[in-house]
């Protein structure tokens, strides 16, 4: 399901968007959606790198599987 939003965009960016839209025979809306999805993929990579960094430098505690099983009480099953 799609939902409508309103955004303000720089005139030069809009001009490029219109140019790509015409040349590729795609709607501006579809190009914007594709661009956002591509950017989210990039953000996912950045978040993964950040989380790996945080784990390497012990920003978050790590627990073994055995400790987790004990903590949630599964060893009694």
C-alpha atoms as a PDB file:
ATOM      1  CA  UNK A   1       0.000   0.000   0.000  1.00  0.00           C
ATOM      2  CA  UNK A   2       1.377   3.384  -0.935  1.00  0.00           C
ATOM      3  CA  UNK A   3       0.952   6.597   1.000  1.00  0.00           C
ATOM      4  CA  UNK A   4       1.315  10.138  -0.272  1.00  0.00           C
ATOM      5  CA  UNK A   5       3.839  12.499   1.309  1.00  0.00           C
ATOM      6  CA  UNK A   6       4.860  16.048   0.493  1.00  0.00           C
ATOM      7  CA  UNK A   7       8.502  17.086   0.306  1.00  0.00           C
ATOM      8  CA  UNK A   8      10.401  20.187  -0.646  1.00  0.00           C
ATOM      9  CA  UNK A   9      13.309  19.650  -3.001  1.00  0.00           C
ATOM     10  CA  UNK A  10      16.036  21.905  -4.342  1.00  0.00           C
ATOM     11  CA  UNK A  11      15.284  23.207  -7.851  1.00  0.00           C
ATOM     12  CA  UNK A  12      18.505  21.808  -9.305  1.00  0.00           C
ATOM     13  CA  UNK A  13      17.738  18.341  -7.903  1.00  0.00           C
ATOM     14  CA  UNK A  14      14.200  18.556  -9.270  1.00  0.00           C
ATOM     15  CA  UNK A  15      15.568  19.501 -12.696  1.00  0.00           C
ATOM     16  CA  UNK A  16      17.844  16.434 -12.664  1.00  0.00           C
ATOM     17  CA  UNK A  17      14.953  14.259 -11.497  1.00  0.00           C
ATOM     18  CA  UNK A  18      12.787  15.484 -14.350  1.00  0.00           C
ATOM     19  CA  UNK A  19      15.593  14.896 -16.848  1.00  0.00           C
ATOM     20  CA  UNK A  20      16.159  11.307 -15.650  1.00  0.00           C
ATOM     21  CA  UNK A  21      12.435  10.711 -15.574  1.00  0.00           C
ATOM     22  CA  UNK A  22      11.992  11.748 -19.183  1.00  0.00           C
ATOM     23  CA  UNK A  23      15.054   9.938 -20.508  1.00  0.00           C
ATOM     24  CA  UNK A  24      14.328   6.697 -18.655  1.00  0.00           C
ATOM     25  CA  UNK A  25      10.597   6.915 -19.239  1.00  0.00           C
ATOM     26  CA  UNK A  26       9.935   6.439 -15.532  1.00  0.00           C
ATOM     27  CA  UNK A  27       7.826   8.508 -13.194  1.00  0.00           C
ATOM     28  CA  UNK A  28       9.516  10.911 -10.812  1.00  0.00           C
ATOM     29  CA  UNK A  29       7.770   9.081  -7.991  1.00  0.00           C
ATOM     30  CA  UNK A  30       9.259   5.719  -8.993  1.00  0.00           C
ATOM     31  CA  UNK A  31      12.751   7.218  -9.275  1.00  0.00           C
ATOM     32  CA  UNK A  32      12.449   8.816  -5.839  1.00  0.00           C
ATOM     33  CA  UNK A  33      11.258   5.541  -4.328  1.00  0.00           C
ATOM     34  CA  UNK A  34      14.143   3.627  -5.978  1.00  0.00           C
ATOM     35  CA  UNK A  35      16.623   6.222  -4.704  1.00  0.00           C
ATOM     36  CA  UNK A  36      15.297   5.990  -1.148  1.00  0.00           C
ATOM     37  CA  UNK A  37      15.475   2.192  -1.213  1.00  0.00           C
ATOM     38  CA  UNK A  38      19.067   2.341  -2.510  1.00  0.00           C
ATOM     39  CA  UNK A  39      19.962   4.817   0.229  1.00  0.00           C
ATOM     40  CA  UNK A  40      18.372   2.610   2.894  1.00  0.00           C
ATOM     41  CA  UNK A  41      20.564  -0.271   1.643  1.00  0.00           C
ATOM     42  CA  UNK A  42      23.602   1.974   2.099  1.00  0.00           C
ATOM     43  CA  UNK A  43      22.419   2.900   5.595  1.00  0.00           C
ATOM     44  CA  UNK A  44      22.003  -0.801   6.436  1.00  0.00           C
ATOM     45  CA  UNK A  45      25.677  -1.323   5.555  1.00  0.00           C
ATOM     46  CA  UNK A  46      26.705   1.661   7.693  1.00  0.00           C
ATOM     47  CA  UNK A  47      24.660   0.358  10.637  1.00  0.00           C
ATOM     48  CA  UNK A  48      26.214  -3.087  10.282  1.00  0.00           C
ATOM     49  CA  UNK A  49      29.706  -1.576  10.302  1.00  0.00           C
ATOM     50  CA  UNK A  50      28.822   0.518  13.375  1.00  0.00           C
ATOM     51  CA  UNK A  51      27.419  -2.484  15.233  1.00  0.00           C
ATOM     52  CA  UNK A  52      30.503  -4.568  14.438  1.00  0.00           C
ATOM     53  CA  UNK A  53      32.704  -1.707  15.664  1.00  0.00           C
ATOM     54  CA  UNK A  54      30.644  -1.380  18.847  1.00  0.00           C
ATOM     55  CA  UNK A  55      30.930  -5.107  19.534  1.00  0.00           C
ATOM     56  CA  UNK A  56      34.691  -5.141  18.860  1.00  0.00           C
ATOM     57  CA  UNK A  57      35.253  -2.321  21.319  1.00  0.00           C
ATOM     58  CA  UNK A  58      32.919  -3.790  23.971  1.00  0.00           C
ATOM     59  CA  UNK A  59      30.373  -1.015  23.868  1.00  0.00           C
ATOM     60  CA  UNK A  60      27.738  -3.687  24.433  1.00  0.00           C
ATOM     61  CA  UNK A  61      28.186  -6.764  26.619  1.00  0.00           C
ATOM     62  CA  UNK A  62      28.317 -10.137  24.902  1.00  0.00           C
ATOM     63  CA  UNK A  63      26.712 -13.252  26.344  1.00  0.00           C
ATOM     64  CA  UNK A  64      27.358 -16.859  25.455  1.00  0.00           C
ATOM     65  CA  UNK A  65      24.497 -19.042  24.291  1.00  0.00           C
ATOM     66  CA  UNK A  66      24.800 -21.050  27.481  1.00  0.00           C
ATOM     67  CA  UNK A  67      24.411 -17.895  29.601  1.00  0.00           C
ATOM     68  CA  UNK A  68      21.378 -16.810  27.585  1.00  0.00           C
ATOM     69  CA  UNK A  69      19.747 -20.226  28.028  1.00  0.00           C
ATOM     70  CA  UNK A  70      20.310 -19.987  31.784  1.00  0.00           C
ATOM     71  CA  UNK A  71      19.075 -16.389  31.948  1.00  0.00           C
ATOM     72  CA  UNK A  72      15.767 -17.178  30.268  1.00  0.00           C
ATOM     73  CA  UNK A  73      15.336 -20.473  32.093  1.00  0.00           C
ATOM     74  CA  UNK A  74      15.425 -22.888  29.172  1.00  0.00           C
ATOM     75  CA  UNK A  75      17.921 -25.300  30.774  1.00  0.00           C
ATOM     76  CA  UNK A  76      15.056 -26.617  32.921  1.00  0.00           C
ATOM     77  CA  UNK A  77      13.041 -27.838  29.923  1.00  0.00           C
END
